Amino acid sequence: MTAKKRLAEIEMALRGRQLVYFGTRGADAEPLLNLSNMAFVFSLIAPLDACSVREVSLEVETGERVELDSYNLDFDRREVIGDLRRRLLHLFDRPSAVLPYRPCAFLSSAWFPRSDRTLYLGMFHESQACFEHKPWVESQLSRFGVRVLPWRYWADSDRRLIGEWAAKEPLVLRANHTDGGAGVRLLRDAGALDTEWPMHGDGFLAAAPYLEHSIPLNVNACVFSDGRVTLHGPSLQIIGIPSLTRRAFGYCGNDFARTADLEPRVLDSLEEMSVRTGMWLHQNGYRGAFGIDALLHDGILYLTEVNPRFQGSSLHSARLDATLGRADVFLEHAAALLGFAARASRPLRELAREQPAVSHLILHNTLDVPVRVESETDASRNAQLRLVPAPAILVQSEAIAFEVVVPRSVTGDGTSLTPEACAIVSAELGRLHPVTKADPSGTDSATRDLS
């Protein structure tokens, strides 16, 4: 469906309600600015800074940017969180519709008392939570005919057996709830089992052989009430780049340009995997935006993760859809939750061939201390900077420092960067200025080389 038609449908269905985006990164709400109803953005980090909407961001309220993959708004008991809840309650006093990046108890606590006048365009957080449990999701998908990584599940008391396995080959260890690579560890040596053991409280975890020289892939998608699935923005996922993250499997961005080089049969397999996953989600009550991560290893495609929410790649896939005149994953999510039917989706092989060449790299603070970020831009590098915090904001360790967007490919395999991309990253890392207790201004020199 064209973006223009979908926008008209959504605006008509909202009937003048103000639209509120509730997300992790405020800047992700950019595609929703095309809706005349768009009025307010609530975010944890990276404000949208659009003059046409009002906005509240946790990082502005607190002066710090949290590390998203471990921070949980539902467990934050600071007074500032109570104040933010009161602001949302006041906001929802007038007819509204709220669209969440991902559901949470905090949002439910503000929406339910105003549910008589505010539409909720998302899953109930308790219902969505089961789709965050990776062992349940992947075991069910395997029975549904989706090829998943060969995970084996081990009780914590089986640690000795895992060590014996690790003595034979490298393993990936994974907690049952992970985000952005947090909770996933690479075990190359059985002697490192204790240091590489992921933190978790479930009593068991997953382990699988490490499939070296694999290509990580990602797709955005949306499932509708009739079970049909729309597909958006296939890309190579960029993970584990040491200059961008300290995590072995940390999420570092996406290369949308490189997918055009994938064999058509691979893209067809990725499409089939995405649609089948959406069908399973539908059968189990899920509606709206989701994404999948996959690994291409020795010509075989394995599903590695289902993301029952929007993704770090969603904004960029939406930008690409806009260039093609297509309704993006944000608009399709709103349409799905408002009860509209899905329209025919373009094949992934066509999207990969026609979407513009673009990549984005996410630079995290890889130091053990907070940093401040220099915000001045340098157009000569032919790169767009996004998600840059205000100079006064403290960026916590492993939190997103900023993002670099370039109009070309930056990787050939998702786990290494081209020389040109390495040069861009090296130059941009100079924007990070460590802050220590002895030097809160951030002018002290780093004890660790940023590059």
Protein backbone atom coordinates (compact mmCIF):
# COMPACT_ATOMS: atom_id res chain seq x y z
CA MET A 1 0.00 0.00 0.00
CA THR A 2 1.15 3.54 -0.66
CA ALA A 3 2.09 5.70 2.29
CA LYS A 4 -0.43 8.36 1.26
CA LYS A 5 -3.39 5.97 1.41
CA ARG A 6 -2.30 4.46 4.71
CA LEU A 7 -1.83 7.89 6.26
CA ALA A 8 -5.36 8.88 5.22
CA GLU A 9 -6.83 5.70 6.73
CA ILE A 10 -5.04 6.16 10.03
CA GLU A 11 -5.96 9.84 10.37
CA MET A 12 -9.61 9.04 9.67
CA ALA A 13 -9.62 6.24 12.27
CA LEU A 14 -8.01 8.43 14.94
CA ARG A 15 -10.90 10.92 14.59
CA GLY A 16 -8.94 13.90 15.79
CA ARG A 17 -7.24 12.17 18.75
CA GLN A 18 -3.75 13.38 19.53
CA LEU A 19 -1.13 10.72 18.79
CA VAL A 20 1.52 10.01 21.43
CA TYR A 21 4.66 8.00 20.72
CA PHE A 22 6.12 6.18 23.72
CA GLY A 23 9.56 4.81 22.91
CA THR A 24 13.14 4.19 23.86
CA ARG A 25 14.65 6.64 21.33
CA GLY A 26 12.52 9.69 20.68
CA ALA A 27 14.19 10.16 17.30
CA ASP A 28 12.57 6.92 16.11
CA ALA A 29 9.22 8.73 15.96
CA GLU A 30 10.31 10.61 12.84
CA PRO A 31 8.03 8.67 10.41
CA LEU A 32 4.97 9.52 12.51
CA LEU A 33 5.45 13.23 11.89
CA ASN A 34 3.64 12.65 8.59
CA LEU A 35 0.43 12.17 10.59
CA SER A 36 -1.39 15.40 11.35
CA ASN A 37 -2.44 13.90 14.70
CA MET A 38 1.15 13.50 15.90
CA ALA A 39 1.43 15.62 19.05
CA PHE A 40 3.74 14.22 21.74
CA VAL A 41 6.85 12.05 22.14
CA PHE A 42 7.92 10.35 25.36
CA SER A 43 11.35 8.69 25.27
CA LEU A 44 14.14 7.31 27.41
CA ILE A 45 16.95 8.75 25.28
CA ALA A 46 17.65 10.71 22.08
CA PRO A 47 14.82 13.28 21.82
CA LEU A 48 13.25 13.83 18.41
CA ASP A 49 13.64 17.62 18.71
CA ALA A 50 10.88 18.38 16.24
CA CYS A 51 9.25 21.78 16.58
CA SER A 52 5.83 20.38 15.59
CA VAL A 53 5.46 18.14 18.67
CA ARG A 54 5.85 18.42 22.42
CA GLU A 55 8.36 16.11 24.03
CA VAL A 56 9.64 14.64 27.29
CA SER A 57 12.82 12.57 27.44
CA LEU A 58 14.20 10.82 30.51
CA GLU A 59 17.77 11.73 29.58
CA VAL A 60 16.89 15.44 29.59
CA GLU A 61 15.09 15.13 32.93
CA THR A 62 17.96 13.29 34.62
CA GLY A 63 21.01 14.55 32.73
CA GLU A 64 22.16 11.04 31.83
CA ARG A 65 21.72 8.61 28.96
CA VAL A 66 21.04 5.08 30.20
CA GLU A 67 22.26 1.86 28.60
CA LEU A 68 19.06 0.60 26.98
CA ASP A 69 19.80 -3.12 26.91
CA SER A 70 20.00 -3.44 30.70
CA TYR A 71 17.88 -0.50 31.93
CA ASN A 72 14.24 -1.31 32.75
CA LEU A 73 11.81 1.56 33.25
CA ASP A 74 9.46 -0.69 35.21
CA PHE A 75 12.07 -1.20 37.93
CA ASP A 76 13.11 2.45 38.26
CA ARG A 77 11.73 3.81 41.54
CA ARG A 78 13.16 7.33 41.37
CA GLU A 79 10.84 10.28 41.93
CA VAL A 80 11.43 11.48 38.38
CA ILE A 81 9.66 8.36 37.10
CA GLY A 82 6.60 9.13 39.20
CA ASP A 83 6.61 12.64 37.79
CA LEU A 84 6.75 11.30 34.24
CA ARG A 85 3.78 9.04 34.98
CA ARG A 86 1.79 12.02 36.23
CA ARG A 87 2.60 13.90 33.03
CA LEU A 88 1.33 11.02 30.94
CA LEU A 89 -1.87 10.80 32.99
CA HIS A 90 -2.44 14.50 32.39
CA LEU A 91 -1.67 14.08 28.69
CA PHE A 92 -4.19 11.23 28.40
CA ASP A 93 -6.94 13.36 29.96
CA ARG A 94 -7.85 14.49 26.45
CA PRO A 95 -8.77 12.05 23.64
CA SER A 96 -5.52 10.39 22.61
CA ALA A 97 -3.93 7.37 21.00
CA VAL A 98 -0.60 6.04 22.28
CA LEU A 99 1.76 3.97 20.13
CA PRO A 100 4.54 2.19 22.09
CA TYR A 101 7.94 1.07 20.81
CA ARG A 102 7.46 -1.87 23.16
CA PRO A 103 4.89 -2.41 25.91
CA CYS A 104 5.75 -2.00 29.58
CA ALA A 105 4.05 -1.89 32.98
CA PHE A 106 4.88 1.81 33.37
CA LEU A 107 2.85 2.71 30.29
CA SER A 108 -0.03 0.47 31.35
CA SER A 109 -0.14 2.26 34.72
CA ALA A 110 -0.69 5.56 32.93
CA TRP A 111 -2.99 4.29 30.20
CA PHE A 112 -5.48 2.07 32.05
CA PRO A 113 -6.80 4.89 34.28
CA ARG A 114 -7.45 6.90 31.08
CA SER A 115 -8.47 4.01 28.81
CA ASP A 116 -11.98 5.43 28.45
CA ARG A 117 -10.56 8.26 26.34
CA THR A 118 -7.21 6.95 25.06
CA LEU A 119 -6.64 4.26 22.43
CA TYR A 120 -3.73 1.90 23.04
CA LEU A 121 -2.02 0.87 19.79
CA GLY A 122 0.03 -2.02 21.07
CA MET A 123 0.08 -5.32 22.93
CA PHE A 124 -0.74 -5.53 26.64
CA HIS A 125 2.66 -5.83 28.32
CA GLU A 126 1.83 -9.05 30.21
CA SER A 127 0.65 -10.62 26.97
CA GLN A 128 3.69 -9.48 25.02
CA ALA A 129 6.09 -10.74 27.69
CA CYS A 130 5.80 -14.38 26.62
CA PHE A 131 7.18 -13.47 23.20
CA GLU A 132 10.29 -12.12 24.93
CA HIS A 133 11.08 -15.58 26.36
CA LYS A 134 13.50 -16.92 23.78
CA PRO A 135 13.49 -20.67 24.63
CA TRP A 136 9.70 -20.83 24.42
CA VAL A 137 9.53 -18.83 21.18
CA GLU A 138 12.26 -20.75 19.35
CA SER A 139 11.07 -24.19 20.47
CA GLN A 140 7.54 -23.35 19.31
CA LEU A 141 8.78 -21.94 16.02
CA SER A 142 10.88 -25.04 15.42
CA ARG A 143 7.73 -27.16 15.70
CA PHE A 144 6.03 -24.71 13.34
CA GLY A 145 8.58 -25.44 10.64
CA VAL A 146 11.07 -22.59 11.13
CA ARG A 147 14.74 -23.57 11.18
CA VAL A 148 16.24 -22.11 14.35
CA LEU A 149 19.76 -22.29 15.74
CA PRO A 150 20.42 -25.67 17.41
CA TRP A 151 20.14 -24.40 20.97
CA ARG A 152 20.34 -26.84 23.85
CA TYR A 153 18.97 -25.88 27.25
CA TRP A 154 20.99 -26.57 30.37
CA ALA A 155 20.14 -26.26 34.04
CA ASP A 156 22.56 -24.14 36.03
CA SER A 157 23.62 -27.34 37.80
CA ASP A 158 24.77 -28.71 34.41
CA ARG A 159 27.67 -26.27 34.30
CA ARG A 160 30.24 -29.07 34.35
CA LEU A 161 28.64 -30.68 31.28
CA ILE A 162 28.71 -27.38 29.42
CA GLY A 163 32.40 -27.09 30.26
CA GLU A 164 33.05 -30.53 28.80
CA TRP A 165 31.25 -29.51 25.61
CA ALA A 166 33.18 -26.23 25.44
CA ALA A 167 36.45 -28.16 25.64
CA LYS A 168 35.57 -29.64 22.21
CA GLU A 169 34.35 -26.53 20.34
CA PRO A 170 33.54 -22.82 20.89
CA LEU A 171 30.03 -22.18 22.24
CA VAL A 172 27.58 -19.34 22.48
CA LEU A 173 25.92 -19.02 25.89
CA ARG A 174 22.67 -17.09 26.15
CA ALA A 175 20.33 -16.03 28.91
CA ASN A 176 16.61 -16.46 28.25
CA HIS A 177 15.88 -12.73 28.05
CA THR A 178 18.37 -10.65 26.07
CA ASP A 179 18.47 -7.33 24.25
CA GLY A 180 21.01 -5.94 21.81
CA GLY A 181 23.56 -8.64 22.55
CA ALA A 182 23.42 -8.22 26.34
CA GLY A 183 23.21 -11.65 27.95
CA VAL A 184 24.91 -13.45 25.02
CA ARG A 185 28.50 -14.58 25.55
CA LEU A 186 31.12 -16.32 23.40
CA LEU A 187 32.90 -19.18 25.16
CA ARG A 188 36.05 -20.15 23.29
CA ASP A 189 37.77 -21.84 26.21
CA ALA A 190 36.22 -24.09 28.86
CA GLY A 191 38.48 -22.42 31.39
CA ALA A 192 36.61 -19.15 30.87
CA LEU A 193 33.22 -20.62 31.74
CA ASP A 194 32.90 -18.76 35.03
CA THR A 195 33.78 -15.36 33.57
CA GLU A 196 31.60 -15.84 30.47
CA TRP A 197 28.57 -17.23 32.32
CA PRO A 198 25.64 -14.88 31.48
CA MET A 199 23.84 -13.28 34.40
CA HIS A 200 20.31 -14.64 34.74
CA GLY A 201 17.84 -15.79 37.35
CA ASP A 202 15.88 -18.46 35.48
CA GLY A 203 17.79 -21.52 36.66
CA PHE A 204 18.72 -22.49 33.11
CA LEU A 205 20.23 -21.05 29.96
CA ALA A 206 20.87 -21.93 26.31
CA ALA A 207 24.04 -23.01 24.54
CA ALA A 208 24.79 -23.61 20.87
CA PRO A 209 27.87 -24.20 18.72
CA TYR A 210 29.50 -20.98 17.56
CA LEU A 211 28.91 -20.78 13.81
CA GLU A 212 31.94 -18.78 12.76
CA HIS A 213 32.01 -16.93 9.42
CA SER A 214 28.24 -16.48 9.39
CA ILE A 215 26.38 -13.46 8.01
CA PRO A 216 23.77 -11.92 10.36
CA LEU A 217 20.58 -10.69 8.68
CA ASN A 218 17.60 -8.66 9.85
CA VAL A 219 14.07 -7.91 8.61
CA ASN A 220 11.32 -5.59 9.86
CA ALA A 221 7.77 -6.86 9.55
CA CYS A 222 4.20 -6.35 10.73
CA VAL A 223 1.48 -8.93 11.29
CA PHE A 224 -2.20 -8.04 10.90
CA SER A 225 -5.39 -9.44 12.40
CA ASP A 226 -5.98 -11.64 9.33
CA GLY A 227 -2.52 -13.23 9.73
CA ARG A 228 -1.00 -11.50 6.72
CA VAL A 229 2.48 -10.06 7.05
CA THR A 230 4.10 -7.00 5.48
CA LEU A 231 7.90 -6.91 5.12
CA HIS A 232 10.23 -3.94 5.38
CA GLY A 233 13.90 -3.08 5.07
CA PRO A 234 16.02 -6.26 4.84
CA SER A 235 19.60 -5.67 5.93
CA LEU A 236 22.84 -7.18 7.11
CA GLN A 237 22.94 -6.79 10.87
CA ILE A 238 26.20 -5.37 12.20
CA ILE A 239 27.30 -6.99 15.45
CA GLY A 240 30.26 -7.23 17.77
CA ILE A 241 32.53 -4.53 16.27
CA PRO A 242 35.11 -3.86 19.03
CA SER A 243 35.39 -0.12 18.30
CA LEU A 244 31.60 0.22 18.63
CA THR A 245 30.74 -2.09 21.53
CA ARG A 246 32.41 -4.24 24.17
CA ARG A 247 29.89 -7.05 23.74
CA ALA A 248 30.86 -10.01 21.60
CA PHE A 249 27.42 -9.96 19.95
CA GLY A 250 26.49 -6.34 20.64
CA TYR A 251 24.18 -4.68 18.13
CA CYS A 252 26.03 -1.98 16.14
CA GLY A 253 23.72 -1.08 13.25
CA ASN A 254 22.55 -2.28 9.84
CA ASP A 255 23.80 -2.29 6.27
CA PHE A 256 20.82 -2.00 3.91
CA ALA A 257 23.02 -1.65 0.85
CA ARG A 258 24.71 -5.05 1.08
CA THR A 259 21.48 -7.09 0.90
CA ALA A 260 21.38 -6.49 -2.86
CA ASP A 261 24.43 -8.78 -3.08
CA LEU A 262 22.67 -11.71 -1.42
CA GLU A 263 21.59 -14.56 -3.66
CA PRO A 264 17.87 -14.45 -4.57
CA ARG A 265 17.34 -17.88 -2.96
CA VAL A 266 18.69 -16.52 0.34
CA LEU A 267 16.32 -13.56 0.22
CA ASP A 268 13.44 -15.89 -0.65
CA SER A 269 14.33 -18.09 2.34
CA LEU A 270 14.51 -15.01 4.59
CA GLU A 271 11.11 -13.90 3.33
CA GLU A 272 9.58 -17.33 3.94
CA MET A 273 11.09 -17.39 7.44
CA SER A 274 9.72 -13.92 8.22
CA VAL A 275 6.23 -14.68 6.96
CA ARG A 276 6.06 -18.04 8.74
CA THR A 277 7.22 -16.40 11.97
CA GLY A 278 4.50 -13.79 11.55
CA MET A 279 1.91 -16.52 11.02
CA TRP A 280 2.99 -18.20 14.26
CA LEU A 281 2.88 -14.89 16.13
CA HIS A 282 -0.64 -14.31 14.79
CA GLN A 283 -1.82 -17.77 15.88
CA ASN A 284 -0.59 -16.94 19.37
CA GLY A 285 -2.34 -13.59 19.61
CA TYR A 286 0.39 -11.19 18.58
CA ARG A 287 -0.39 -8.12 16.44
CA GLY A 288 1.76 -5.34 15.07
CA ALA A 289 5.42 -4.67 14.37
CA PHE A 290 8.08 -7.30 14.89
CA GLY A 291 11.45 -8.24 13.50
CA ILE A 292 13.61 -11.30 13.05
CA ASP A 293 17.35 -11.86 13.17
CA ALA A 294 18.85 -14.72 11.19
CA LEU A 295 22.26 -16.21 10.43
CA LEU A 296 23.41 -17.39 7.02
CA HIS A 297 25.98 -20.15 7.57
CA ASP A 298 27.34 -22.40 4.83
CA GLY A 299 24.36 -21.50 2.65
CA ILE A 300 21.81 -22.43 5.35
CA LEU A 301 19.59 -19.83 7.03
CA TYR A 302 18.89 -20.10 10.78
CA LEU A 303 16.54 -17.94 12.81
CA THR A 304 18.41 -16.53 15.81
CA GLU A 305 15.91 -14.19 17.42
CA VAL A 306 12.39 -12.80 17.21
CA ASN A 307 11.96 -9.20 18.32
CA PRO A 308 8.29 -8.70 19.30
CA ARG A 309 8.47 -4.91 18.96
CA PHE A 310 10.03 -2.24 16.80
CA GLN A 311 13.79 -2.52 16.31
CA GLY A 312 16.91 -0.39 16.11
CA SER A 313 16.64 -0.77 12.32
CA SER A 314 12.96 0.24 12.10
CA LEU A 315 13.51 3.96 11.62
CA HIS A 316 15.95 3.41 8.79
CA SER A 317 13.73 0.84 7.10
CA ALA A 318 10.93 3.43 7.32
CA ARG A 319 13.12 6.04 5.64
CA LEU A 320 13.82 3.58 2.82
CA ASP A 321 10.13 2.78 2.45
CA ALA A 322 9.44 6.51 2.16
CA THR A 323 11.77 6.77 -0.83
CA LEU A 324 9.78 3.95 -2.48
CA GLY A 325 6.42 5.52 -1.61
CA ARG A 326 5.50 2.54 0.61
CA ALA A 327 3.73 2.52 3.94
CA ASP A 328 6.47 1.88 6.51
CA VAL A 329 6.47 -0.44 9.51
CA PHE A 330 5.31 2.35 11.87
CA LEU A 331 2.28 3.15 9.76
CA GLU A 332 1.52 -0.53 9.22
CA HIS A 333 1.72 -1.17 12.96
CA ALA A 334 -0.78 1.63 13.61
CA ALA A 335 -3.02 0.29 10.85
CA ALA A 336 -2.87 -3.26 12.20
CA LEU A 337 -3.82 -2.13 15.71
CA LEU A 338 -6.63 0.04 14.36
CA GLY A 339 -8.11 -3.01 12.61
CA PHE A 340 -7.24 -2.30 9.00
CA ALA A 341 -6.38 -5.11 6.61
CA ALA A 342 -2.89 -5.80 5.30
CA ARG A 343 -2.08 -5.02 1.70
CA ALA A 344 0.17 -7.02 -0.58
CA SER A 345 3.82 -6.76 0.44
CA ARG A 346 6.74 -6.48 -1.95
CA PRO A 347 9.07 -9.53 -2.14
CA LEU A 348 12.30 -9.13 -0.22
CA ARG A 349 14.37 -9.67 -3.37
CA GLU A 350 12.68 -6.61 -4.90
CA LEU A 351 13.14 -4.49 -1.77
CA ALA A 352 16.81 -5.47 -1.55
CA ARG A 353 17.33 -4.45 -5.16
CA GLU A 354 15.36 -1.18 -5.07
CA GLN A 355 15.98 0.30 -1.62
CA PRO A 356 18.65 3.05 -1.60
CA ALA A 357 22.16 2.23 -0.47
CA VAL A 358 22.45 3.30 3.17
CA SER A 359 23.99 2.01 6.40
CA HIS A 360 23.99 3.16 9.98
CA LEU A 361 26.57 2.48 12.68
CA ILE A 362 25.75 2.80 16.37
CA LEU A 363 28.68 3.92 18.49
CA HIS A 364 28.44 2.94 22.15
CA ASN A 365 30.49 4.27 25.03
CA THR A 366 33.05 1.47 25.32
CA LEU A 367 34.76 2.99 28.35
CA ASP A 368 34.20 2.08 31.99
CA VAL A 369 33.34 5.70 32.81
CA PRO A 370 30.63 8.05 31.52
CA VAL A 371 31.41 10.33 28.59
CA ARG A 372 30.13 13.59 27.18
CA VAL A 373 29.75 13.92 23.42
CA GLU A 374 30.96 16.77 21.27
CA SER A 375 28.01 17.64 19.04
CA GLU A 376 29.63 19.76 16.32
CA THR A 377 29.20 18.16 12.89
CA ASP A 378 31.71 17.76 10.08
CA ALA A 379 29.96 17.62 6.71
CA SER A 380 33.19 16.78 4.92
CA ARG A 381 32.97 13.21 6.13
CA ASN A 382 29.78 12.69 4.10
CA ALA A 383 28.09 11.20 7.15
CA GLN A 384 24.96 12.17 9.05
CA LEU A 385 25.13 12.10 12.83
CA ARG A 386 22.01 11.08 14.76
CA LEU A 387 21.07 10.41 18.37
CA VAL A 388 23.72 12.88 19.55
CA PRO A 389 23.07 13.89 23.18
CA ALA A 390 23.25 17.47 24.39
CA PRO A 391 26.73 18.41 25.66
CA ALA A 392 25.56 18.34 29.28
CA ILE A 393 24.26 14.76 29.10
CA LEU A 394 26.36 12.03 30.71
CA VAL A 395 26.42 8.91 28.52
CA GLN A 396 26.75 5.83 30.69
CA SER A 397 29.09 2.95 29.91
CA GLU A 398 27.89 0.89 26.90
CA ALA A 399 25.04 3.35 26.29
CA ILE A 400 24.54 4.71 22.77
CA ALA A 401 26.85 7.68 22.24
CA PHE A 402 25.53 8.50 18.77
CA GLU A 403 24.83 7.04 15.35
CA VAL A 404 26.54 7.58 12.00
CA VAL A 405 24.51 7.22 8.78
CA VAL A 406 26.32 6.89 5.44
CA PRO A 407 24.96 6.45 1.87
CA ARG A 408 26.89 3.27 1.12
CA SER A 409 27.72 -0.20 2.36
CA VAL A 410 29.99 -0.46 5.42
CA THR A 411 30.43 -4.22 5.79
CA GLY A 412 30.73 -7.40 3.76
CA ASP A 413 29.83 -9.88 6.46
CA GLY A 414 28.18 -8.00 9.36
CA THR A 415 31.05 -8.69 11.75
CA SER A 416 33.75 -6.43 10.26
CA LEU A 417 33.85 -2.98 8.68
CA THR A 418 35.23 -1.76 5.38
CA PRO A 419 38.41 0.36 5.60
CA GLU A 420 36.40 3.49 4.78
CA ALA A 421 33.90 2.74 7.57
CA CYS A 422 36.77 2.08 9.99
CA ALA A 423 38.22 5.49 9.14
CA ILE A 424 34.86 7.19 9.77
CA VAL A 425 34.46 5.45 13.13
CA SER A 426 38.01 6.29 14.17
CA ALA A 427 37.46 9.96 13.38
CA GLU A 428 34.08 10.15 15.08
CA LEU A 429 35.28 8.48 18.30
CA GLY A 430 37.18 11.68 18.97
CA ARG A 431 33.85 13.23 19.95
CA LEU A 432 33.77 11.21 23.18
CA HIS A 433 35.20 12.92 26.26
CA PRO A 434 35.51 10.75 29.41
CA VAL A 435 34.17 12.09 32.68
CA THR A 436 35.73 11.01 35.96
CA LYS A 437 34.87 11.83 39.55
CA ALA A 438 38.05 13.86 39.76
CA ASP A 439 37.14 15.79 36.62
CA PRO A 440 33.33 16.13 36.20
CA SER A 441 33.80 18.62 33.37
CA GLY A 442 35.04 15.85 31.09
CA THR A 443 38.31 17.57 30.23
CA ASP A 444 40.53 14.98 31.88
CA SER A 445 42.41 12.71 29.48
CA ALA A 446 41.26 9.11 29.08
CA THR A 447 43.23 6.30 30.64
CA ARG A 448 42.09 4.08 27.79
CA ASP A 449 42.57 4.67 24.07
CA LEU A 450 39.19 5.55 22.53
CA SER A 451 40.19 4.26 19.11
